[in-house]
N, C-alpha and C. Protein backbone atom coordinates (compact mmCIF):
# COMPACT_ATOMS: atom_id res chain seq x y z
N MET A 1 -72.32 -27.16 -52.84
CA MET A 1 -70.92 -27.10 -52.50
C MET A 1 -70.56 -25.68 -52.05
N LYS A 2 -69.73 -25.61 -51.03
CA LYS A 2 -69.29 -24.31 -50.56
C LYS A 2 -68.47 -23.61 -51.63
N ALA A 3 -68.66 -22.32 -51.77
CA ALA A 3 -67.98 -21.55 -52.80
C ALA A 3 -66.46 -21.53 -52.60
N ASP A 4 -66.00 -21.71 -51.36
CA ASP A 4 -64.57 -21.62 -51.11
C ASP A 4 -63.88 -22.98 -51.04
N TYR A 5 -64.57 -24.04 -51.47
CA TYR A 5 -63.98 -25.38 -51.47
C TYR A 5 -62.80 -25.41 -52.45
N ILE A 6 -61.70 -26.04 -52.04
CA ILE A 6 -60.49 -26.10 -52.87
C ILE A 6 -60.08 -27.56 -53.07
N VAL A 7 -59.92 -27.96 -54.32
CA VAL A 7 -59.41 -29.28 -54.66
C VAL A 7 -57.89 -29.16 -54.73
N GLN A 8 -57.18 -30.14 -54.14
CA GLN A 8 -55.72 -30.10 -54.09
C GLN A 8 -55.09 -31.31 -54.76
N PHE A 9 -53.99 -31.06 -55.47
CA PHE A 9 -53.18 -32.12 -56.07
C PHE A 9 -51.72 -31.78 -55.86
N LYS A 10 -50.88 -32.81 -55.78
CA LYS A 10 -49.44 -32.61 -55.70
C LYS A 10 -48.83 -32.64 -57.09
N SER A 11 -47.69 -31.98 -57.23
CA SER A 11 -46.97 -31.92 -58.49
C SER A 11 -45.47 -32.02 -58.22
N VAL A 12 -44.76 -32.77 -59.06
CA VAL A 12 -43.31 -32.91 -58.89
C VAL A 12 -42.63 -31.57 -59.19
N PRO A 13 -41.49 -31.29 -58.56
CA PRO A 13 -40.84 -29.98 -58.71
C PRO A 13 -40.59 -29.54 -60.15
N GLU A 14 -40.21 -30.45 -61.04
CA GLU A 14 -39.92 -30.09 -62.42
C GLU A 14 -41.15 -29.53 -63.14
N ILE A 15 -42.31 -30.08 -62.84
CA ILE A 15 -43.55 -29.62 -63.48
C ILE A 15 -44.17 -28.49 -62.69
N TYR A 16 -44.05 -28.53 -61.37
CA TYR A 16 -44.62 -27.51 -60.50
C TYR A 16 -44.20 -26.10 -60.93
N SER A 17 -42.92 -25.89 -61.22
CA SER A 17 -42.45 -24.55 -61.58
C SER A 17 -43.11 -24.06 -62.87
N LYS A 18 -43.35 -24.95 -63.83
CA LYS A 18 -44.03 -24.57 -65.07
C LYS A 18 -45.49 -24.23 -64.79
N GLU A 19 -46.14 -25.01 -63.92
CA GLU A 19 -47.54 -24.75 -63.59
C GLU A 19 -47.69 -23.44 -62.84
N LYS A 20 -46.81 -23.19 -61.90
CA LYS A 20 -46.91 -21.96 -61.10
C LYS A 20 -46.66 -20.73 -61.97
N SER A 21 -45.71 -20.81 -62.89
CA SER A 21 -45.37 -19.65 -63.73
C SER A 21 -46.45 -19.36 -64.78
N GLY A 22 -47.28 -20.35 -65.09
CA GLY A 22 -48.30 -20.18 -66.12
C GLY A 22 -47.86 -20.73 -67.47
N ALA A 23 -46.62 -21.21 -67.57
CA ALA A 23 -46.16 -21.81 -68.82
C ALA A 23 -46.96 -23.06 -69.14
N LYS A 24 -47.44 -23.74 -68.11
CA LYS A 24 -48.29 -24.93 -68.25
C LYS A 24 -49.47 -24.72 -67.30
N SER A 25 -50.61 -24.32 -67.84
CA SER A 25 -51.75 -23.97 -66.98
C SER A 25 -52.84 -25.05 -67.01
N ASN A 26 -52.39 -26.31 -66.87
CA ASN A 26 -53.35 -27.42 -66.78
C ASN A 26 -52.64 -28.62 -66.16
N THR A 27 -53.45 -29.58 -65.74
CA THR A 27 -52.91 -30.83 -65.21
C THR A 27 -53.79 -31.97 -65.70
N LEU A 28 -53.18 -33.12 -65.89
CA LEU A 28 -53.88 -34.32 -66.34
C LEU A 28 -53.83 -35.33 -65.21
N ARG A 29 -54.99 -35.85 -64.81
CA ARG A 29 -55.07 -36.79 -63.70
C ARG A 29 -55.96 -37.97 -64.06
N LYS A 30 -55.54 -39.18 -63.66
CA LYS A 30 -56.36 -40.38 -63.83
C LYS A 30 -57.55 -40.26 -62.89
N ILE A 31 -58.74 -40.43 -63.41
CA ILE A 31 -59.95 -40.29 -62.60
C ILE A 31 -60.14 -41.51 -61.71
N ASP A 32 -60.41 -41.24 -60.46
CA ASP A 32 -60.75 -42.27 -59.47
C ASP A 32 -62.01 -41.77 -58.76
N MET A 33 -63.16 -42.34 -59.11
CA MET A 33 -64.41 -41.83 -58.57
C MET A 33 -64.63 -42.19 -57.09
N THR A 34 -63.68 -42.90 -56.48
CA THR A 34 -63.74 -43.08 -55.03
C THR A 34 -63.03 -41.91 -54.34
N ASP A 35 -62.36 -41.06 -55.11
CA ASP A 35 -61.63 -39.90 -54.62
C ASP A 35 -62.58 -38.69 -54.64
N ASP A 36 -62.81 -38.10 -53.49
CA ASP A 36 -63.75 -36.98 -53.38
C ASP A 36 -63.36 -35.77 -54.23
N ARG A 37 -62.10 -35.64 -54.58
CA ARG A 37 -61.69 -34.50 -55.41
C ARG A 37 -62.38 -34.53 -56.77
N PHE A 38 -62.51 -35.71 -57.36
CA PHE A 38 -63.16 -35.81 -58.67
C PHE A 38 -64.66 -35.60 -58.56
N LYS A 39 -65.24 -36.02 -57.45
CA LYS A 39 -66.66 -35.76 -57.22
C LYS A 39 -66.90 -34.26 -57.12
N ALA A 40 -66.01 -33.56 -56.41
CA ALA A 40 -66.13 -32.11 -56.26
C ALA A 40 -65.97 -31.41 -57.61
N LEU A 41 -65.04 -31.85 -58.40
CA LEU A 41 -64.84 -31.25 -59.72
C LEU A 41 -66.06 -31.46 -60.60
N ARG A 42 -66.67 -32.62 -60.54
CA ARG A 42 -67.89 -32.87 -61.32
C ARG A 42 -69.05 -32.01 -60.85
N ARG A 43 -69.04 -31.65 -59.56
CA ARG A 43 -70.10 -30.79 -59.02
C ARG A 43 -69.83 -29.31 -59.26
N GLY A 44 -68.70 -29.00 -59.90
CA GLY A 44 -68.45 -27.62 -60.27
C GLY A 44 -67.45 -26.86 -59.42
N CYS A 45 -66.66 -27.55 -58.62
CA CYS A 45 -65.62 -26.87 -57.85
C CYS A 45 -64.75 -26.06 -58.79
N ARG A 46 -64.45 -24.83 -58.45
CA ARG A 46 -63.68 -23.93 -59.32
C ARG A 46 -62.36 -23.47 -58.72
N ASN A 47 -61.97 -24.03 -57.59
CA ASN A 47 -60.73 -23.63 -56.94
C ASN A 47 -59.77 -24.80 -56.87
N LEU A 48 -58.53 -24.57 -57.29
CA LEU A 48 -57.52 -25.61 -57.36
C LEU A 48 -56.25 -25.16 -56.65
N ARG A 49 -55.71 -26.03 -55.82
CA ARG A 49 -54.42 -25.77 -55.20
C ARG A 49 -53.46 -26.85 -55.68
N ILE A 50 -52.32 -26.42 -56.21
CA ILE A 50 -51.25 -27.33 -56.60
C ILE A 50 -50.16 -27.21 -55.53
N ILE A 51 -49.77 -28.37 -54.99
CA ILE A 51 -48.78 -28.42 -53.93
C ILE A 51 -47.52 -29.09 -54.47
N LYS A 52 -46.39 -28.44 -54.28
CA LYS A 52 -45.12 -29.04 -54.66
C LYS A 52 -44.94 -30.32 -53.87
N SER A 53 -44.52 -31.40 -54.53
CA SER A 53 -44.51 -32.72 -53.89
C SER A 53 -43.63 -32.80 -52.64
N ASP A 54 -42.66 -31.90 -52.51
CA ASP A 54 -41.85 -31.89 -51.28
C ASP A 54 -42.50 -31.06 -50.18
N LEU A 55 -43.71 -30.55 -50.45
CA LEU A 55 -44.55 -29.80 -49.50
C LEU A 55 -43.97 -28.46 -49.08
N THR A 56 -43.02 -27.91 -49.85
CA THR A 56 -42.40 -26.65 -49.48
C THR A 56 -43.18 -25.42 -49.94
N GLU A 57 -44.05 -25.57 -50.92
CA GLU A 57 -44.84 -24.43 -51.39
C GLU A 57 -46.06 -24.91 -52.17
N SER A 58 -46.97 -23.96 -52.41
CA SER A 58 -48.19 -24.26 -53.17
C SER A 58 -48.71 -22.97 -53.80
N PHE A 59 -49.65 -23.13 -54.72
CA PHE A 59 -50.35 -21.98 -55.28
C PHE A 59 -51.80 -22.38 -55.54
N THR A 60 -52.67 -21.39 -55.59
CA THR A 60 -54.10 -21.62 -55.82
C THR A 60 -54.51 -20.84 -57.06
N ARG A 61 -55.32 -21.48 -57.89
CA ARG A 61 -55.81 -20.86 -59.13
C ARG A 61 -57.30 -21.15 -59.31
N TYR A 62 -57.93 -20.34 -60.16
CA TYR A 62 -59.33 -20.50 -60.53
C TYR A 62 -59.42 -21.45 -61.72
N ILE A 63 -60.20 -22.51 -61.60
CA ILE A 63 -60.38 -23.49 -62.67
C ILE A 63 -61.25 -22.89 -63.77
N THR A 64 -60.73 -22.90 -64.99
CA THR A 64 -61.48 -22.37 -66.13
C THR A 64 -62.16 -23.46 -66.94
N ASP A 65 -61.64 -24.71 -66.82
CA ASP A 65 -62.25 -25.80 -67.57
C ASP A 65 -61.93 -27.13 -66.90
N TYR A 66 -62.93 -27.99 -66.86
CA TYR A 66 -62.75 -29.37 -66.38
C TYR A 66 -63.32 -30.28 -67.46
N THR A 67 -62.46 -31.12 -68.04
CA THR A 67 -62.87 -32.03 -69.10
C THR A 67 -62.45 -33.45 -68.73
N GLU A 68 -63.36 -34.39 -68.95
CA GLU A 68 -63.04 -35.80 -68.76
C GLU A 68 -62.91 -36.45 -70.14
N TRP A 69 -61.83 -37.22 -70.31
CA TRP A 69 -61.57 -37.85 -71.59
C TRP A 69 -60.88 -39.19 -71.36
N GLU A 70 -61.54 -40.26 -71.77
CA GLU A 70 -61.01 -41.62 -71.71
C GLU A 70 -60.39 -41.98 -70.35
N GLY A 71 -61.10 -41.64 -69.29
CA GLY A 71 -60.66 -42.00 -67.94
C GLY A 71 -59.72 -41.01 -67.29
N TYR A 72 -59.46 -39.91 -67.97
CA TYR A 72 -58.57 -38.87 -67.43
C TYR A 72 -59.32 -37.56 -67.24
N ALA A 73 -58.88 -36.78 -66.28
CA ALA A 73 -59.40 -35.44 -66.07
C ALA A 73 -58.35 -34.44 -66.53
N ILE A 74 -58.78 -33.49 -67.33
CA ILE A 74 -57.92 -32.39 -67.74
C ILE A 74 -58.45 -31.16 -67.02
N ILE A 75 -57.64 -30.62 -66.13
CA ILE A 75 -58.05 -29.48 -65.32
C ILE A 75 -57.21 -28.28 -65.75
N SER A 76 -57.87 -27.26 -66.25
CA SER A 76 -57.19 -26.06 -66.73
C SER A 76 -57.53 -24.89 -65.82
N TRP A 77 -56.58 -23.96 -65.69
CA TRP A 77 -56.82 -22.82 -64.82
C TRP A 77 -56.30 -21.54 -65.47
N LYS A 78 -56.76 -20.44 -64.91
CA LYS A 78 -56.34 -19.14 -65.38
C LYS A 78 -55.02 -18.78 -64.72
N PRO A 79 -53.97 -18.59 -65.53
CA PRO A 79 -52.68 -18.20 -64.94
C PRO A 79 -52.75 -16.78 -64.40
N LEU A 80 -51.85 -16.46 -63.52
CA LEU A 80 -51.78 -15.09 -63.02
C LEU A 80 -51.32 -14.16 -64.13
N GLU A 81 -51.76 -12.91 -64.05
CA GLU A 81 -51.30 -11.91 -65.02
C GLU A 81 -49.80 -11.71 -64.87
N ARG A 82 -49.12 -11.58 -65.97
CA ARG A 82 -47.67 -11.34 -65.93
C ARG A 82 -47.38 -9.85 -65.88
N ASP A 83 -46.25 -9.52 -65.27
CA ASP A 83 -45.84 -8.11 -65.17
C ASP A 83 -45.35 -7.58 -66.50
């Protein structure tokens, strides 16, 4: 896998702001193994882009942990350092 490969997911505005700020530095997704994003995560992809569902903004983070549990993926990332 290319080192710069980025997995992308959309997030609703209410949750997006928490994820971007670092107050919530993970996302829970139902696994669909026909979706190439989950294949990439299983192969070790470490870059994640969260896109606000209205497509007005996004942010990219480094994935620190990928865990599968009972059909769900828990994707955690390193929040940005705070000032």
